[in-house]
Amino acid sequence: MILNLPTKIDFGQMSFGNSYSRSYIINNTTNNTLEIKNLGRSCTCTEVSASKTIIKPKEQGIINVTVTPGSTGLFNRSFWFNLNNQHYTITLTGHAS
């Protein structure tokens, strides 16, 4: 399995009230099925979804994350999920003006 997902995503300079999205691919290079569970977020200003929750061997899934700053200034949010028995937490940062 190759997980092309950093532990920190910096959205950089953002305009207050606009939405910014990123997508990350999960390539299942194993012979085992992967399952995405417990997809969560730290704030309602963040949306996170998976293209599918079951990723069969040699297939790929996509994690989509969208941030809409609810105020101006620096922000630090996160989202998380389990991939089989491995827990992942990704920190989201940026500056809204």
PDB file of N, CA and C in Angstrom:
ATOM      1  N   MET A   1       0.844  -1.173   0.000  1.00  0.00           N
ATOM      2  CA  MET A   1       0.000   0.000   0.000  1.00  0.00           C
ATOM      3  C   MET A   1       0.888   1.234   0.000  1.00  0.00           C
ATOM      4  N   ILE A   2       0.554   2.174  -0.868  1.00  0.00           N
ATOM      5  CA  ILE A   2       1.248   3.458  -0.883  1.00  0.00           C
ATOM      6  C   ILE A   2       0.213   4.523  -0.586  1.00  0.00           C
ATOM      7  N   LEU A   3       0.420   5.256   0.484  1.00  0.00           N
ATOM      8  CA  LEU A   3      -0.520   6.298   0.875  1.00  0.00           C
ATOM      9  C   LEU A   3       0.094   7.648   0.544  1.00  0.00           C
ATOM     10  N   ASN A   4      -0.407   8.289  -0.505  1.00  0.00           N
ATOM     11  CA  ASN A   4       0.099   9.592  -0.938  1.00  0.00           C
ATOM     12  C   ASN A   4      -0.626  10.709  -0.197  1.00  0.00           C
ATOM     13  N   LEU A   5      -0.504  10.710   1.102  1.00  0.00           N
ATOM     14  CA  LEU A   5      -1.197  11.687   1.919  1.00  0.00           C
ATOM     15  C   LEU A   5      -0.234  12.206   2.975  1.00  0.00           C
ATOM     16  N   PRO A   6       0.072  13.501   2.934  1.00  0.00           N
ATOM     17  CA  PRO A   6       0.989  14.045   3.935  1.00  0.00           C
ATOM     18  C   PRO A   6       0.317  14.113   5.309  1.00  0.00           C
ATOM     19  N   THR A   7       1.104  14.300   6.346  1.00  0.00           N
ATOM     20  CA  THR A   7       0.543  14.454   7.690  1.00  0.00           C
ATOM     21  C   THR A   7       0.128  15.893   7.958  1.00  0.00           C
ATOM     22  N   LYS A   8       0.558  16.829   7.108  1.00  0.00           N
ATOM     23  CA  LYS A   8       0.184  18.240   7.244  1.00  0.00           C
ATOM     24  C   LYS A   8      -0.071  18.815   5.856  1.00  0.00           C
ATOM     25  N   ILE A   9      -1.179  19.555   5.719  1.00  0.00           N
ATOM     26  CA  ILE A   9      -1.530  20.213   4.467  1.00  0.00           C
ATOM     27  C   ILE A   9      -1.635  21.707   4.744  1.00  0.00           C
ATOM     28  N   ASP A  10      -0.798  22.502   4.097  1.00  0.00           N
ATOM     29  CA  ASP A  10      -0.832  23.956   4.235  1.00  0.00           C
ATOM     30  C   ASP A  10      -1.570  24.534   3.033  1.00  0.00           C
ATOM     31  N   PHE A  11      -2.742  25.085   3.277  1.00  0.00           N
ATOM     32  CA  PHE A  11      -3.529  25.694   2.210  1.00  0.00           C
ATOM     33  C   PHE A  11      -3.017  27.084   1.853  1.00  0.00           C
ATOM     34  N   GLY A  12      -2.086  27.605   2.648  1.00  0.00           N
ATOM     35  CA  GLY A  12      -1.498  28.909   2.342  1.00  0.00           C
ATOM     36  C   GLY A  12      -2.483  30.045   2.535  1.00  0.00           C
ATOM     37  N   GLN A  13      -2.336  31.087   1.726  1.00  0.00           N
ATOM     38  CA  GLN A  13      -3.203  32.265   1.805  1.00  0.00           C
ATOM     39  C   GLN A  13      -4.559  31.947   1.184  1.00  0.00           C
ATOM     40  N   MET A  14      -5.629  32.242   1.937  1.00  0.00           N
ATOM     41  CA  MET A  14      -6.978  31.940   1.494  1.00  0.00           C
ATOM     42  C   MET A  14      -7.850  33.173   1.662  1.00  0.00           C
ATOM     43  N   SER A  15      -8.899  33.264   0.867  1.00  0.00           N
ATOM     44  CA  SER A  15      -9.872  34.350   1.014  1.00  0.00           C
ATOM     45  C   SER A  15     -10.996  33.875   1.914  1.00  0.00           C
ATOM     46  N   PHE A  16     -11.323  34.667   2.919  1.00  0.00           N
ATOM     47  CA  PHE A  16     -12.399  34.352   3.859  1.00  0.00           C
ATOM     48  C   PHE A  16     -13.687  34.044   3.086  1.00  0.00           C
ATOM     49  N   GLY A  17     -14.332  32.947   3.439  1.00  0.00           N
ATOM     50  CA  GLY A  17     -15.613  32.579   2.847  1.00  0.00           C
ATOM     51  C   GLY A  17     -15.508  31.744   1.585  1.00  0.00           C
ATOM     52  N   ASN A  18     -14.351  31.650   0.963  1.00  0.00           N
ATOM     53  CA  ASN A  18     -14.174  30.810  -0.222  1.00  0.00           C
ATOM     54  C   ASN A  18     -13.794  29.397   0.209  1.00  0.00           C
ATOM     55  N   SER A  19     -14.107  28.428  -0.632  1.00  0.00           N
ATOM     56  CA  SER A  19     -13.773  27.033  -0.353  1.00  0.00           C
ATOM     57  C   SER A  19     -12.541  26.608  -1.142  1.00  0.00           C
ATOM     58  N   TYR A  20     -11.709  25.778  -0.514  1.00  0.00           N
ATOM     59  CA  TYR A  20     -10.481  25.282  -1.115  1.00  0.00           C
ATOM     60  C   TYR A  20     -10.436  23.772  -0.930  1.00  0.00           C
ATOM     61  N   SER A  21     -10.153  23.060  -2.008  1.00  0.00           N
ATOM     62  CA  SER A  21     -10.202  21.598  -1.976  1.00  0.00           C
ATOM     63  C   SER A  21      -8.885  20.982  -2.407  1.00  0.00           C
ATOM     64  N   ARG A  22      -8.641  19.797  -1.879  1.00  0.00           N
ATOM     65  CA  ARG A  22      -7.506  18.966  -2.271  1.00  0.00           C
ATOM     66  C   ARG A  22      -7.983  17.513  -2.298  1.00  0.00           C
ATOM     67  N   SER A  23      -7.369  16.718  -3.148  1.00  0.00           N
ATOM     68  CA  SER A  23      -7.676  15.293  -3.244  1.00  0.00           C
ATOM     69  C   SER A  23      -6.387  14.507  -3.123  1.00  0.00           C
ATOM     70  N   TYR A  24      -6.451  13.365  -2.453  1.00  0.00           N
ATOM     71  CA  TYR A  24      -5.286  12.517  -2.238  1.00  0.00           C
ATOM     72  C   TYR A  24      -5.638  11.074  -2.561  1.00  0.00           C
ATOM     73  N   ILE A  25      -4.741  10.410  -3.253  1.00  0.00           N
ATOM     74  CA  ILE A  25      -4.980   9.055  -3.739  1.00  0.00           C
ATOM     75  C   ILE A  25      -4.411   8.023  -2.765  1.00  0.00           C
ATOM     76  N   ILE A  26      -5.194   6.983  -2.531  1.00  0.00           N
ATOM     77  CA  ILE A  26      -4.731   5.816  -1.789  1.00  0.00           C
ATOM     78  C   ILE A  26      -4.634   4.676  -2.790  1.00  0.00           C
ATOM     79  N   ASN A  27      -3.422   4.264  -3.117  1.00  0.00           N
ATOM     80  CA  ASN A  27      -3.184   3.137  -4.025  1.00  0.00           C
ATOM     81  C   ASN A  27      -3.019   1.871  -3.198  1.00  0.00           C
ATOM     82  N   ASN A  28      -3.855   0.903  -3.448  1.00  0.00           N
ATOM     83  CA  ASN A  28      -3.732  -0.373  -2.750  1.00  0.00           C
ATOM     84  C   ASN A  28      -2.839  -1.290  -3.586  1.00  0.00           C
ATOM     85  N   THR A  29      -1.594  -1.350  -3.240  1.00  0.00           N
ATOM     86  CA  THR A  29      -0.631  -2.192  -3.959  1.00  0.00           C
ATOM     87  C   THR A  29      -0.462  -3.553  -3.283  1.00  0.00           C
ATOM     88  N   THR A  30      -1.316  -3.826  -2.301  1.00  0.00           N
ATOM     89  CA  THR A  30      -1.246  -5.105  -1.584  1.00  0.00           C
ATOM     90  C   THR A  30      -2.189  -6.126  -2.215  1.00  0.00           C
ATOM     91  N   ASN A  31      -2.190  -7.318  -1.668  1.00  0.00           N
ATOM     92  CA  ASN A  31      -3.137  -8.360  -2.082  1.00  0.00           C
ATOM     93  C   ASN A  31      -4.324  -8.441  -1.132  1.00  0.00           C
ATOM     94  N   ASN A  32      -4.428  -7.464  -0.221  1.00  0.00           N
ATOM     95  CA  ASN A  32      -5.497  -7.431   0.771  1.00  0.00           C
ATOM     96  C   ASN A  32      -6.433  -6.263   0.502  1.00  0.00           C
ATOM     97  N   THR A  33      -7.679  -6.417   0.901  1.00  0.00           N
ATOM     98  CA  THR A  33      -8.647  -5.335   0.785  1.00  0.00           C
ATOM     99  C   THR A  33      -8.412  -4.321   1.900  1.00  0.00           C
ATOM    100  N   LEU A  34      -8.462  -3.036   1.554  1.00  0.00           N
ATOM    101  CA  LEU A  34      -8.339  -1.969   2.534  1.00  0.00           C
ATOM    102  C   LEU A  34      -9.719  -1.378   2.806  1.00  0.00           C
ATOM    103  N   GLU A  35      -9.936  -0.992   4.058  1.00  0.00           N
ATOM    104  CA  GLU A  35     -11.212  -0.389   4.420  1.00  0.00           C
ATOM    105  C   GLU A  35     -10.980   0.934   5.134  1.00  0.00           C
ATOM    106  N   ILE A  36     -11.620   1.987   4.637  1.00  0.00           N
ATOM    107  CA  ILE A  36     -11.562   3.304   5.273  1.00  0.00           C
ATOM    108  C   ILE A  36     -12.720   3.376   6.260  1.00  0.00           C
ATOM    109  N   LYS A  37     -12.399   3.659   7.527  1.00  0.00           N
ATOM    110  CA  LYS A  37     -13.407   3.751   8.587  1.00  0.00           C
ATOM    111  C   LYS A  37     -13.167   5.015   9.402  1.00  0.00           C
ATOM    112  N   ASN A  38     -14.169   5.408  10.176  1.00  0.00           N
ATOM    113  CA  ASN A  38     -14.069   6.485  11.165  1.00  0.00           C
ATOM    114  C   ASN A  38     -13.551   7.783  10.566  1.00  0.00           C
ATOM    115  N   LEU A  39     -14.045   8.149   9.397  1.00  0.00           N
ATOM    116  CA  LEU A  39     -13.676   9.403   8.764  1.00  0.00           C
ATOM    117  C   LEU A  39     -14.287  10.534   9.577  1.00  0.00           C
ATOM    118  N   GLY A  40     -13.443  11.443  10.085  1.00  0.00           N
ATOM    119  CA  GLY A  40     -13.937  12.521  10.936  1.00  0.00           C
ATOM    120  C   GLY A  40     -13.207  13.819  10.696  1.00  0.00           C
ATOM    121  N   ARG A  41     -13.695  14.881  11.321  1.00  0.00           N
ATOM    122  CA  ARG A  41     -13.118  16.218  11.165  1.00  0.00           C
ATOM    123  C   ARG A  41     -13.236  16.989  12.460  1.00  0.00           C
ATOM    124  N   SER A  42     -12.378  17.986  12.622  1.00  0.00           N
ATOM    125  CA  SER A  42     -12.351  18.753  13.867  1.00  0.00           C
ATOM    126  C   SER A  42     -13.257  19.974  13.832  1.00  0.00           C
ATOM    127  N   CYS A  43     -13.794  20.332  12.660  1.00  0.00           N
ATOM    128  CA  CYS A  43     -14.543  21.585  12.537  1.00  0.00           C
ATOM    129  C   CYS A  43     -15.568  21.461  11.410  1.00  0.00           C
ATOM    130  N   THR A  44     -16.705  22.133  11.545  1.00  0.00           N
ATOM    131  CA  THR A  44     -17.699  22.122  10.475  1.00  0.00           C
ATOM    132  C   THR A  44     -17.241  22.922   9.258  1.00  0.00           C
ATOM    133  N   CYS A  45     -16.151  23.678   9.382  1.00  0.00           N
ATOM    134  CA  CYS A  45     -15.597  24.410   8.236  1.00  0.00           C
ATOM    135  C   CYS A  45     -14.809  23.476   7.323  1.00  0.00           C
ATOM    136  N   THR A  46     -14.704  22.217   7.699  1.00  0.00           N
ATOM    137  CA  THR A  46     -13.952  21.228   6.926  1.00  0.00           C
ATOM    138  C   THR A  46     -14.883  20.095   6.511  1.00  0.00           C
ATOM    139  N   GLU A  47     -14.855  19.748   5.238  1.00  0.00           N
ATOM    140  CA  GLU A  47     -15.593  18.597   4.729  1.00  0.00           C
ATOM    141  C   GLU A  47     -14.573  17.571   4.270  1.00  0.00           C
ATOM    142  N   VAL A  48     -14.813  16.331   4.589  1.00  0.00           N
ATOM    143  CA  VAL A  48     -13.906  15.257   4.166  1.00  0.00           C
ATOM    144  C   VAL A  48     -14.749  14.061   3.732  1.00  0.00           C
ATOM    145  N   SER A  49     -14.347  13.464   2.611  1.00  0.00           N
ATOM    146  CA  SER A  49     -15.090  12.321   2.098  1.00  0.00           C
ATOM    147  C   SER A  49     -14.129  11.365   1.401  1.00  0.00           C
ATOM    148  N   ALA A  50     -14.599  10.158   1.213  1.00  0.00           N
ATOM    149  CA  ALA A  50     -13.825   9.142   0.505  1.00  0.00           C
ATOM    150  C   ALA A  50     -14.616   8.716  -0.723  1.00  0.00           C
ATOM    151  N   SER A  51     -13.913   8.520  -1.840  1.00  0.00           N
ATOM    152  CA  SER A  51     -14.587   8.089  -3.066  1.00  0.00           C
ATOM    153  C   SER A  51     -15.203   6.706  -2.896  1.00  0.00           C
ATOM    154  N   LYS A  52     -14.598   5.895  -2.036  1.00  0.00           N
ATOM    155  CA  LYS A  52     -15.136   4.588  -1.676  1.00  0.00           C
ATOM    156  C   LYS A  52     -14.527   4.187  -0.340  1.00  0.00           C
ATOM    157  N   THR A  53     -15.221   3.332   0.398  1.00  0.00           N
ATOM    158  CA  THR A  53     -14.700   2.911   1.699  1.00  0.00           C
ATOM    159  C   THR A  53     -13.990   1.566   1.626  1.00  0.00           C
ATOM    160  N   ILE A  54     -14.228   0.808   0.581  1.00  0.00           N
ATOM    161  CA  ILE A  54     -13.551  -0.469   0.363  1.00  0.00           C
ATOM    162  C   ILE A  54     -12.661  -0.320  -0.874  1.00  0.00           C
ATOM    163  N   ILE A  55     -11.365  -0.576  -0.696  1.00  0.00           N
ATOM    164  CA  ILE A  55     -10.412  -0.481  -1.804  1.00  0.00           C
ATOM    165  C   ILE A  55      -9.813  -1.870  -1.999  1.00  0.00           C
ATOM    166  N   LYS A  56     -10.194  -2.480  -3.094  1.00  0.00           N
ATOM    167  CA  LYS A  56      -9.729  -3.837  -3.392  1.00  0.00           C
ATOM    168  C   LYS A  56      -8.278  -3.825  -3.849  1.00  0.00           C
ATOM    169  N   PRO A  57      -7.624  -4.984  -3.809  1.00  0.00           N
ATOM    170  CA  PRO A  57      -6.232  -5.061  -4.265  1.00  0.00           C
ATOM    171  C   PRO A  57      -6.064  -4.485  -5.673  1.00  0.00           C
ATOM    172  N   LYS A  58      -5.001  -3.725  -5.838  1.00  0.00           N
ATOM    173  CA  LYS A  58      -4.617  -3.103  -7.109  1.00  0.00           C
ATOM    174  C   LYS A  58      -5.558  -1.980  -7.542  1.00  0.00           C
ATOM    175  N   GLU A  59      -6.496  -1.564  -6.668  1.00  0.00           N
ATOM    176  CA  GLU A  59      -7.386  -0.435  -6.968  1.00  0.00           C
ATOM    177  C   GLU A  59      -6.940   0.793  -6.180  1.00  0.00           C
ATOM    178  N   GLN A  60      -7.623   1.892  -6.416  1.00  0.00           N
ATOM    179  CA  GLN A  60      -7.306   3.103  -5.659  1.00  0.00           C
ATOM    180  C   GLN A  60      -8.585   3.792  -5.209  1.00  0.00           C
ATOM    181  N   GLY A  61      -8.449   4.529  -4.128  1.00  0.00           N
ATOM    182  CA  GLY A  61      -9.521   5.358  -3.607  1.00  0.00           C
ATOM    183  C   GLY A  61      -9.001   6.770  -3.442  1.00  0.00           C
ATOM    184  N   ILE A  62      -9.907   7.703  -3.269  1.00  0.00           N
ATOM    185  CA  ILE A  62      -9.516   9.103  -3.149  1.00  0.00           C
ATOM    186  C   ILE A  62     -10.124   9.689  -1.880  1.00  0.00           C
ATOM    187  N   ILE A  63      -9.299  10.392  -1.111  1.00  0.00           N
ATOM    188  CA  ILE A  63      -9.765  11.180   0.037  1.00  0.00           C
ATOM    189  C   ILE A  63      -9.856  12.624  -0.444  1.00  0.00           C
ATOM    190  N   ASN A  64     -11.039  13.227  -0.321  1.00  0.00           N
ATOM    191  CA  ASN A  64     -11.262  14.613  -0.707  1.00  0.00           C
ATOM    192  C   ASN A  64     -11.454  15.456   0.544  1.00  0.00           C
ATOM    193  N   VAL A  65     -10.789  16.595   0.607  1.00  0.00           N
ATOM    194  CA  VAL A  65     -10.948  17.500   1.749  1.00  0.00           C
ATOM    195  C   VAL A  65     -11.185  18.912   1.222  1.00  0.00           C
ATOM    196  N   THR A  66     -12.182  19.588   1.818  1.00  0.00           N
ATOM    197  CA  THR A  66     -12.514  20.966   1.461  1.00  0.00           C
ATOM    198  C   THR A  66     -12.564  21.789   2.734  1.00  0.00           C
ATOM    199  N   VAL A  67     -11.897  22.955   2.688  1.00  0.00           N
ATOM    200  CA  VAL A  67     -11.876  23.872   3.823  1.00  0.00           C
ATOM    201  C   VAL A  67     -12.536  25.181   3.393  1.00  0.00           C
ATOM    202  N   THR A  68     -13.442  25.696   4.226  1.00  0.00           N
ATOM    203  CA  THR A  68     -14.047  27.005   4.021  1.00  0.00           C
ATOM    204  C   THR A  68     -13.802  27.804   5.295  1.00  0.00           C
ATOM    205  N   PRO A  69     -12.813  28.721   5.283  1.00  0.00           N
ATOM    206  CA  PRO A  69     -12.488  29.468   6.499  1.00  0.00           C
ATOM    207  C   PRO A  69     -13.708  30.208   7.047  1.00  0.00           C
ATOM    208  N   GLY A  70     -13.976  30.016   8.334  1.00  0.00           N
ATOM    209  CA  GLY A  70     -15.106  30.657   8.987  1.00  0.00           C
ATOM    210  C   GLY A  70     -14.755  31.982   9.633  1.00  0.00           C
ATOM    211  N   SER A  71     -13.480  32.326   9.624  1.00  0.00           N
ATOM    212  CA  SER A  71     -13.033  33.601  10.183  1.00  0.00           C
ATOM    213  C   SER A  71     -11.693  33.945   9.539  1.00  0.00           C
ATOM    214  N   THR A  72     -11.238  35.153   9.780  1.00  0.00           N
ATOM    215  CA  THR A  72      -9.949  35.561   9.241  1.00  0.00           C
ATOM    216  C   THR A  72      -8.831  35.179  10.206  1.00  0.00           C
ATOM    217  N   GLY A  73      -7.610  35.147   9.699  1.00  0.00           N
ATOM    218  CA  GLY A  73      -6.447  34.823  10.516  1.00  0.00           C
ATOM    219  C   GLY A  73      -5.950  33.414  10.259  1.00  0.00           C
ATOM    220  N   LEU A  74      -4.994  33.007  11.079  1.00  0.00           N
ATOM    221  CA  LEU A  74      -4.413  31.670  10.961  1.00  0.00           C
ATOM    222  C   LEU A  74      -5.410  30.616  11.428  1.00  0.00           C
ATOM    223  N   PHE A  75      -5.403  29.472  10.797  1.00  0.00           N
ATOM    224  CA  PHE A  75      -6.234  28.391  11.293  1.00  0.00           C
ATOM    225  C   PHE A  75      -5.436  27.094  11.311  1.00  0.00           C
ATOM    226  N   ASN A  76      -5.888  26.204  12.173  1.00  0.00           N
ATOM    227  CA  ASN A  76      -5.255  24.905  12.355  1.00  0.00           C
ATOM    228  C   ASN A  76      -6.379  23.916  12.660  1.00  0.00           C
ATOM    229  N   ARG A  77      -6.720  23.095  11.691  1.00  0.00           N
ATOM    230  CA  ARG A  77      -7.793  22.107  11.822  1.00  0.00           C
ATOM    231  C   ARG A  77      -7.223  20.730  11.501  1.00  0.00           C
ATOM    232  N   SER A  78      -8.052  19.711  11.558  1.00  0.00           N
ATOM    233  CA  SER A  78      -7.577  18.377  11.202  1.00  0.00           C
ATOM    234  C   SER A  78      -8.732  17.505  10.738  1.00  0.00           C
ATOM    235  N   PHE A  79      -8.369  16.420  10.064  1.00  0.00           N
ATOM    236  CA  PHE A  79      -9.313  15.353   9.786  1.00  0.00           C
ATOM    237  C   PHE A  79      -8.586  14.040  10.012  1.00  0.00           C
ATOM    238  N   TRP A  80      -9.340  12.954  10.143  1.00  0.00           N
ATOM    239  CA  TRP A  80      -8.741  11.670  10.475  1.00  0.00           C
ATOM    240  C   TRP A  80      -9.563  10.533   9.877  1.00  0.00           C
ATOM    241  N   PHE A  81      -8.927   9.379   9.813  1.00  0.00           N
ATOM    242  CA  PHE A  81      -9.587   8.164   9.364  1.00  0.00           C
ATOM    243  C   PHE A  81      -8.730   6.974   9.753  1.00  0.00           C
ATOM    244  N   ASN A  82      -9.340   5.811   9.749  1.00  0.00           N
ATOM    245  CA  ASN A  82      -8.611   4.556   9.937  1.00  0.00           C
ATOM    246  C   ASN A  82      -8.573   3.850   8.596  1.00  0.00           C
ATOM    247  N   LEU A  83      -7.432   3.314   8.266  1.00  0.00           N
ATOM    248  CA  LEU A  83      -7.260   2.488   7.080  1.00  0.00           C
ATOM    249  C   LEU A  83      -6.872   1.118   7.603  1.00  0.00           C
ATOM    250  N   ASN A  84      -7.848   0.188   7.571  1.00  0.00           N
ATOM    251  CA  ASN A  84      -7.734  -1.085   8.273  1.00  0.00           C
ATOM    252  C   ASN A  84      -7.419  -0.776   9.741  1.00  0.00           C
ATOM    253  N   ASN A  85      -6.311  -1.185  10.289  1.00  0.00           N
ATOM    254  CA  ASN A  85      -6.012  -0.945  11.705  1.00  0.00           C
ATOM    255  C   ASN A  85      -5.076   0.233  11.939  1.00  0.00           C
ATOM    256  N   GLN A  86      -4.738   0.992  10.892  1.00  0.00           N
ATOM    257  CA  GLN A  86      -3.810   2.124  11.021  1.00  0.00           C
ATOM    258  C   GLN A  86      -4.607   3.425  11.080  1.00  0.00           C
ATOM    259  N   HIS A  87      -4.337   4.248  12.113  1.00  0.00           N
ATOM    260  CA  HIS A  87      -5.013   5.537  12.272  1.00  0.00           C
ATOM    261  C   HIS A  87      -4.172   6.638  11.630  1.00  0.00           C
ATOM    262  N   TYR A  88      -4.821   7.526  10.881  1.00  0.00           N
ATOM    263  CA  TYR A  88      -4.160   8.671  10.246  1.00  0.00           C
ATOM    264  C   TYR A  88      -4.850   9.948  10.680  1.00  0.00           C
ATOM    265  N   THR A  89      -4.066  10.952  11.069  1.00  0.00           N
ATOM    266  CA  THR A  89      -4.570  12.288  11.357  1.00  0.00           C
ATOM    267  C   THR A  89      -3.783  13.266  10.489  1.00  0.00           C
ATOM    268  N   ILE A  90      -4.503  14.117   9.770  1.00  0.00           N
ATOM    269  CA  ILE A  90      -3.878  15.080   8.880  1.00  0.00           C
ATOM    270  C   ILE A  90      -4.243  16.466   9.379  1.00  0.00           C
ATOM    271  N   THR A  91      -3.235  17.299   9.620  1.00  0.00           N
ATOM    272  CA  THR A  91      -3.413  18.664  10.085  1.00  0.00           C
ATOM    273  C   THR A  91      -3.559  19.594   8.890  1.00  0.00           C
ATOM    274  N   LEU A  92      -4.535  20.493   8.966  1.00  0.00           N
ATOM    275  CA  LEU A  92      -4.787  21.478   7.916  1.00  0.00           C
ATOM    276  C   LEU A  92      -4.469  22.868   8.462  1.00  0.00           C
ATOM    277  N   THR A  93      -3.640  23.611   7.761  1.00  0.00           N
ATOM    278  CA  THR A  93      -3.278  24.961   8.199  1.00  0.00           C
ATOM    279  C   THR A  93      -3.466  25.937   7.036  1.00  0.00           C
ATOM    280  N   GLY A  94      -3.482  27.214   7.366  1.00  0.00           N
ATOM    281  CA  GLY A  94      -3.595  28.260   6.358  1.00  0.00           C
ATOM    282  C   GLY A  94      -3.844  29.607   7.017  1.00  0.00           C
ATOM    283  N   HIS A  95      -3.997  30.614   6.195  1.00  0.00           N
ATOM    284  CA  HIS A  95      -4.269  31.977   6.665  1.00  0.00           C
ATOM    285  C   HIS A  95      -5.361  32.567   5.811  1.00  0.00           C
ATOM    286  N   ALA A  96      -6.478  32.917   6.444  1.00  0.00           N
ATOM    287  CA  ALA A  96      -7.615  33.504   5.732  1.00  0.00           C
ATOM    288  C   ALA A  96      -7.651  35.018   5.940  1.00  0.00           C
ATOM    289  N   SER A  97      -7.884  35.717   4.861  1.00  0.00           N
ATOM    290  CA  SER A  97      -8.007  37.186   4.950  1.00  0.00           C
ATOM    291  C   SER A  97      -9.182  37.665   4.121  1.00  0.00           C
TER     292      SER A  97
END
